[in-house]
Amino acid sequence: MHEVRQGQELQIVDICLRMLQPRELFRAQGFPDGYIIAAMLPGAGQGPDPRQLRA
């Protein structure tokens, strides 16, 4: 994509950044490598078990 501003042609160039993996994000925030990321455990993020909900 390019555009002309004030008589000068400008071009947008992709700088090719990648998304960090969850473990990399935790490391960047100072968590140790052995820290357990609960959201990555099997069954995480599925919400509460309907049998455990009370009316």
N, C-alpha and C. Protein backbone atom coordinates (compact mmCIF):
# COMPACT_ATOMS: atom_id res chain seq x y z
N MET A 1 0.86 -1.18 0.00
CA MET A 1 0.00 0.00 0.00
C MET A 1 0.90 1.23 0.00
N HIS A 2 0.60 2.17 -0.86
CA HIS A 2 1.34 3.41 -0.81
C HIS A 2 0.39 4.58 -0.97
N GLU A 3 0.88 5.71 -0.56
CA GLU A 3 0.05 6.90 -0.50
C GLU A 3 0.95 8.10 -0.81
N VAL A 4 0.35 9.15 -1.30
CA VAL A 4 1.11 10.36 -1.61
C VAL A 4 0.70 11.44 -0.63
N ARG A 5 1.70 12.02 0.05
CA ARG A 5 1.45 13.12 0.98
C ARG A 5 2.43 14.24 0.67
N GLN A 6 1.92 15.41 0.54
CA GLN A 6 2.72 16.60 0.26
C GLN A 6 3.69 16.35 -0.89
N GLY A 7 3.20 15.68 -1.94
CA GLY A 7 4.00 15.43 -3.12
C GLY A 7 5.04 14.34 -2.98
N GLN A 8 5.06 13.66 -1.84
CA GLN A 8 6.04 12.60 -1.62
C GLN A 8 5.31 11.26 -1.50
N GLU A 9 5.81 10.25 -2.23
CA GLU A 9 5.18 8.93 -2.18
C GLU A 9 5.69 8.16 -0.97
N LEU A 10 4.76 7.68 -0.16
CA LEU A 10 5.09 6.91 1.03
C LEU A 10 4.62 5.47 0.84
N GLN A 11 5.33 4.53 1.40
CA GLN A 11 4.95 3.13 1.29
C GLN A 11 5.00 2.50 2.67
N ILE A 12 3.94 1.74 3.01
CA ILE A 12 3.90 1.02 4.28
C ILE A 12 4.55 -0.34 4.06
N VAL A 13 5.50 -0.67 4.94
CA VAL A 13 6.23 -1.92 4.82
C VAL A 13 5.97 -2.75 6.07
N ASP A 14 5.66 -4.03 5.90
CA ASP A 14 5.45 -4.93 7.02
C ASP A 14 6.79 -5.19 7.70
N ILE A 15 6.84 -5.00 9.02
CA ILE A 15 8.09 -5.19 9.74
C ILE A 15 8.23 -6.62 10.28
N CYS A 16 7.28 -7.49 9.98
CA CYS A 16 7.35 -8.92 10.28
C CYS A 16 7.54 -9.23 11.75
N LEU A 17 6.72 -8.67 12.61
CA LEU A 17 6.76 -9.05 14.02
C LEU A 17 5.91 -10.29 14.21
N ARG A 18 6.27 -11.12 15.16
CA ARG A 18 5.48 -12.31 15.42
C ARG A 18 4.82 -12.19 16.79
N MET A 19 3.77 -12.94 16.99
CA MET A 19 3.09 -12.98 18.27
C MET A 19 3.91 -13.87 19.21
N LEU A 20 4.07 -13.43 20.46
CA LEU A 20 4.79 -14.24 21.43
C LEU A 20 3.89 -15.37 21.93
N GLN A 21 4.50 -16.50 22.24
CA GLN A 21 3.78 -17.63 22.80
C GLN A 21 3.52 -17.34 24.28
N PRO A 22 2.48 -17.96 24.87
CA PRO A 22 2.17 -17.69 26.28
C PRO A 22 3.37 -17.83 27.21
N ARG A 23 4.18 -18.86 27.03
CA ARG A 23 5.34 -19.05 27.90
C ARG A 23 6.30 -17.88 27.77
N GLU A 24 6.50 -17.37 26.56
CA GLU A 24 7.40 -16.22 26.34
C GLU A 24 6.85 -14.97 27.01
N LEU A 25 5.54 -14.80 26.97
CA LEU A 25 4.93 -13.64 27.63
C LEU A 25 5.13 -13.71 29.15
N PHE A 26 4.96 -14.90 29.72
CA PHE A 26 5.16 -15.05 31.16
C PHE A 26 6.62 -14.80 31.53
N ARG A 27 7.55 -15.31 30.73
CA ARG A 27 8.98 -15.06 31.00
C ARG A 27 9.29 -13.56 30.96
N ALA A 28 8.72 -12.86 30.00
CA ALA A 28 8.96 -11.42 29.86
C ALA A 28 8.46 -10.65 31.08
N GLN A 29 7.46 -11.22 31.77
CA GLN A 29 6.92 -10.57 32.96
C GLN A 29 7.60 -11.03 34.24
N GLY A 30 8.64 -11.88 34.10
CA GLY A 30 9.43 -12.29 35.25
C GLY A 30 9.00 -13.58 35.92
N PHE A 31 8.03 -14.30 35.37
CA PHE A 31 7.62 -15.57 35.96
C PHE A 31 8.69 -16.62 35.69
N PRO A 32 8.95 -17.52 36.65
CA PRO A 32 9.95 -18.57 36.43
C PRO A 32 9.45 -19.59 35.41
N ASP A 33 10.37 -20.32 34.79
CA ASP A 33 10.00 -21.32 33.78
C ASP A 33 9.10 -22.41 34.35
N GLY A 34 9.21 -22.69 35.64
CA GLY A 34 8.40 -23.74 36.27
C GLY A 34 7.00 -23.30 36.65
N TYR A 35 6.67 -22.01 36.43
CA TYR A 35 5.35 -21.50 36.80
C TYR A 35 4.28 -22.20 35.97
N ILE A 36 3.22 -22.66 36.62
CA ILE A 36 2.14 -23.36 35.92
C ILE A 36 1.11 -22.34 35.45
N ILE A 37 0.91 -22.29 34.15
CA ILE A 37 -0.08 -21.39 33.57
C ILE A 37 -1.41 -22.14 33.58
N ALA A 38 -2.31 -21.78 34.49
CA ALA A 38 -3.56 -22.52 34.68
C ALA A 38 -4.40 -22.57 33.41
N ALA A 39 -4.38 -21.54 32.61
CA ALA A 39 -5.20 -21.50 31.39
C ALA A 39 -4.72 -22.51 30.36
N MET A 40 -3.51 -23.05 30.52
CA MET A 40 -2.99 -24.01 29.55
C MET A 40 -3.19 -25.46 30.00
N LEU A 41 -3.78 -25.66 31.18
CA LEU A 41 -4.03 -27.01 31.66
C LEU A 41 -5.21 -27.62 30.91
N PRO A 42 -5.24 -28.94 30.75
CA PRO A 42 -6.37 -29.58 30.08
C PRO A 42 -7.69 -29.25 30.78
N GLY A 43 -8.69 -28.88 30.02
CA GLY A 43 -10.00 -28.56 30.57
C GLY A 43 -10.15 -27.13 31.05
N ALA A 44 -9.08 -26.36 31.02
CA ALA A 44 -9.16 -24.97 31.47
C ALA A 44 -9.93 -24.14 30.45
N GLY A 45 -10.63 -23.15 30.93
CA GLY A 45 -11.35 -22.24 30.06
C GLY A 45 -12.70 -22.75 29.59
N GLN A 46 -13.16 -23.87 30.14
CA GLN A 46 -14.44 -24.40 29.73
C GLN A 46 -15.57 -23.94 30.64
N GLY A 47 -15.22 -23.16 31.66
CA GLY A 47 -16.24 -22.68 32.58
C GLY A 47 -16.51 -23.71 33.67
N PRO A 48 -17.38 -23.35 34.60
CA PRO A 48 -17.66 -24.26 35.71
C PRO A 48 -18.47 -25.47 35.26
N ASP A 49 -18.31 -26.54 35.99
CA ASP A 49 -19.07 -27.76 35.73
C ASP A 49 -20.53 -27.49 36.11
N PRO A 50 -21.49 -27.64 35.19
CA PRO A 50 -22.89 -27.35 35.50
C PRO A 50 -23.41 -28.14 36.70
N ARG A 51 -22.83 -29.30 36.99
CA ARG A 51 -23.27 -30.09 38.13
C ARG A 51 -22.88 -29.44 39.44
N GLN A 52 -21.92 -28.52 39.40
CA GLN A 52 -21.46 -27.87 40.61
C GLN A 52 -22.17 -26.55 40.86
N LEU A 53 -22.92 -26.07 39.90
CA LEU A 53 -23.64 -24.80 40.06
C LEU A 53 -24.85 -25.00 40.96
N ARG A 54 -25.12 -24.02 41.79
CA ARG A 54 -26.29 -24.11 42.69
C ARG A 54 -27.29 -23.04 42.28
N ALA A 55 -28.53 -23.34 42.44
CA ALA A 55 -29.60 -22.42 42.07
C ALA A 55 -29.72 -21.31 43.06
